[in-house]
């Protein structure tokens, strides 16, 4: 078995869209998937890409992906990488592909002089939490995620 990680290309857009839908199904959030594939493609591969995608392959077959972008730590005075989505198809779990994707992201952090790699995980997803902790990740229990979207975002923008 050969694991490989490569940057996504515009030709991968349908695959990326399917991985996002598959992840949403796994997370019981399929009802929240609303993206337009053309707009997703423009945001990933257009003149100003907002995120990057890695495709994880096993024996040349795409089995997972990681979508990420840079954030910034004012305390560190350096960028970081925020992992928005990590997904490995169920039949490929246990192959080491998830770890390989995270290791590739860690390598990018080091190469890009980033202070940290961070992501969210659903609190019910104990298999993933255990996996991440086995790699040295720590829970940030003292932080609470905040979000403004939809009508609240529009209202705030107009205030």
Protein backbone atom coordinates (compact mmCIF):
# COMPACT_ATOMS: atom_id res chain seq x y z
CA UNK A 1 0.00 0.00 0.00
CA UNK A 2 1.35 3.40 -1.04
CA UNK A 3 0.14 6.60 0.63
CA UNK A 4 0.64 9.90 -1.17
CA UNK A 5 -0.38 13.49 -0.51
CA UNK A 6 -0.68 16.07 -3.28
CA UNK A 7 -2.03 19.58 -3.68
CA UNK A 8 -5.47 19.69 -5.27
CA UNK A 9 -5.94 21.14 -8.74
CA UNK A 10 -9.06 22.66 -10.34
CA UNK A 11 -9.76 19.26 -11.91
CA UNK A 12 -10.28 17.93 -8.36
CA UNK A 13 -13.24 20.24 -7.67
CA UNK A 14 -15.96 17.55 -8.07
CA UNK A 15 -13.94 15.24 -5.80
CA UNK A 16 -13.50 17.99 -3.18
CA UNK A 17 -17.23 18.74 -3.31
CA UNK A 18 -18.01 15.05 -2.76
CA UNK A 19 -15.56 14.81 0.15
CA UNK A 20 -17.27 17.83 1.77
CA UNK A 21 -20.67 16.17 1.37
CA UNK A 22 -19.34 12.88 2.73
CA UNK A 23 -17.84 14.66 5.74
CA UNK A 24 -21.13 16.48 6.38
CA UNK A 25 -22.98 13.14 6.28
CA UNK A 26 -20.52 11.66 8.80
CA UNK A 27 -20.91 14.67 11.08
CA UNK A 28 -24.73 14.54 10.78
CA UNK A 29 -24.64 18.02 9.22
CA UNK A 30 -25.65 17.31 5.62
CA UNK A 31 -28.56 19.74 6.03
CA UNK A 32 -26.03 22.57 6.45
CA UNK A 33 -24.18 22.03 3.14
CA UNK A 34 -25.17 24.94 0.89
CA UNK A 35 -22.15 25.66 -1.29
CA UNK A 36 -22.32 26.38 -4.99
CA UNK A 37 -19.63 24.26 -6.65
CA UNK A 38 -18.59 27.00 -9.09
CA UNK A 39 -18.19 29.50 -6.26
CA UNK A 40 -16.28 26.92 -4.21
CA UNK A 41 -13.94 26.44 -7.17
CA UNK A 42 -13.42 30.19 -7.56
CA UNK A 43 -12.64 30.50 -3.84
CA UNK A 44 -10.16 27.62 -3.94
CA UNK A 45 -8.52 28.11 -7.35
CA UNK A 46 -9.40 31.64 -8.49
CA UNK A 47 -7.20 34.73 -8.60
CA UNK A 48 -7.34 35.07 -4.79
CA UNK A 49 -7.55 31.59 -3.25
CA UNK A 50 -8.97 31.66 0.26
CA UNK A 51 -8.00 28.10 1.14
CA UNK A 52 -5.82 25.22 0.01
CA UNK A 53 -6.66 21.55 -0.36
CA UNK A 54 -4.54 18.44 -0.07
CA UNK A 55 -5.71 15.17 -1.61
CA UNK A 56 -4.69 11.95 0.14
CA UNK A 57 -4.34 8.90 -2.07
CA UNK A 58 -3.87 5.22 -1.42
CA UNK A 59 -2.32 3.38 -4.36
CA UNK A 60 -3.21 6.34 -6.58
CA UNK A 61 -6.89 6.46 -5.58
CA UNK A 62 -8.17 9.56 -3.76
CA UNK A 63 -9.39 8.47 -0.33
CA UNK A 64 -9.30 11.68 1.72
CA UNK A 65 -8.67 15.38 1.84
CA UNK A 66 -7.64 18.26 4.05
CA UNK A 67 -8.89 21.81 3.43
CA UNK A 68 -6.96 24.52 5.26
CA UNK A 69 -6.05 28.19 5.33
CA UNK A 70 -3.79 30.56 7.20
CA UNK A 71 -4.81 32.37 10.34
CA UNK A 72 -2.66 34.65 12.48
CA UNK A 73 -1.56 34.63 16.11
CA UNK A 74 -1.01 38.12 17.47
CA UNK A 75 0.58 36.64 20.60
CA UNK A 76 3.12 34.76 18.50
CA UNK A 77 3.36 37.42 15.80
CA UNK A 78 3.27 34.63 13.21
CA UNK A 79 0.77 32.85 11.01
CA UNK A 80 -0.74 29.49 11.74
CA UNK A 81 -2.62 26.95 9.71
CA UNK A 82 -6.27 26.30 10.47
CA UNK A 83 -7.55 22.92 9.31
CA UNK A 84 -11.16 23.44 8.30
CA UNK A 85 -11.88 19.89 7.12
CA UNK A 86 -10.13 16.55 7.35
CA UNK A 87 -11.88 13.52 5.94
CA UNK A 88 -10.85 9.98 5.09
CA UNK A 89 -13.34 7.63 3.49
CA UNK A 90 -14.55 4.97 5.96
CA UNK A 91 -13.01 2.12 3.97
CA UNK A 92 -9.60 3.83 4.16
CA UNK A 93 -9.64 4.60 7.88
CA UNK A 94 -6.87 2.86 9.78
CA UNK A 95 -4.58 3.00 6.75
CA UNK A 96 -2.50 5.87 8.13
CA UNK A 97 -3.85 8.37 5.59
CA UNK A 98 -5.33 10.69 8.22
CA UNK A 99 -2.02 10.80 10.05
CA UNK A 100 -0.19 11.36 6.75
CA UNK A 101 -2.44 14.33 5.92
CA UNK A 102 -1.86 15.85 9.38
CA UNK A 103 1.90 15.21 9.14
CA UNK A 104 1.95 16.95 5.74
CA UNK A 105 0.15 19.94 7.27
CA UNK A 106 2.63 19.98 10.16
CA UNK A 107 5.46 19.99 7.62
CA UNK A 108 3.85 22.95 5.84
CA UNK A 109 3.60 24.75 9.19
CA UNK A 110 7.31 24.26 9.79
CA UNK A 111 8.25 25.27 6.22
CA UNK A 112 6.04 28.39 6.39
CA UNK A 113 7.25 29.39 9.87
CA UNK A 114 3.79 28.95 11.37
CA UNK A 115 3.31 29.00 15.13
CA UNK A 116 0.67 26.27 15.22
CA UNK A 117 -1.75 23.94 13.50
CA UNK A 118 -5.26 23.97 14.89
CA UNK A 119 -8.77 22.72 14.16
CA UNK A 120 -12.13 22.01 15.74
CA UNK A 121 -13.55 18.58 16.44
CA UNK A 122 -17.12 17.78 17.44
CA UNK A 123 -17.27 16.86 21.13
CA UNK A 124 -19.14 13.60 20.41
CA UNK A 125 -16.44 12.39 18.01
CA UNK A 126 -14.42 10.48 20.60
CA UNK A 127 -12.57 8.26 18.08
CA UNK A 128 -11.17 11.37 16.36
CA UNK A 129 -10.41 13.12 19.65
CA UNK A 130 -8.43 10.08 20.82
CA UNK A 131 -6.61 9.89 17.49
CA UNK A 132 -5.69 13.60 17.60
CA UNK A 133 -4.49 13.34 21.20
CA UNK A 134 -2.30 10.38 20.25
CA UNK A 135 -0.53 12.75 17.83
CA UNK A 136 0.13 15.33 20.54
CA UNK A 137 -2.91 17.57 20.00
CA UNK A 138 -4.46 19.09 23.11
CA UNK A 139 -8.05 20.06 23.84
CA UNK A 140 -8.59 23.78 24.26
CA UNK A 141 -11.27 23.41 26.93
CA UNK A 142 -10.99 26.97 28.14
CA UNK A 143 -12.13 28.41 24.78
CA UNK A 144 -15.68 28.65 23.43
CA UNK A 145 -16.33 28.98 19.70
CA UNK A 146 -18.38 32.02 18.66
CA UNK A 147 -20.07 32.57 15.30
CA UNK A 148 -22.16 35.22 13.60
CA UNK A 149 -23.81 34.18 10.33
CA UNK A 150 -26.99 34.54 8.27
CA UNK A 151 -29.37 37.30 9.30
CA UNK A 152 -27.30 38.12 12.40
CA UNK A 153 -24.25 38.71 10.20
CA UNK A 154 -26.24 40.95 7.87
CA UNK A 155 -27.67 42.88 10.83
CA UNK A 156 -24.24 43.33 12.42
CA UNK A 157 -22.78 44.52 9.10
CA UNK A 158 -25.54 47.13 8.88
CA UNK A 159 -25.09 48.46 12.39
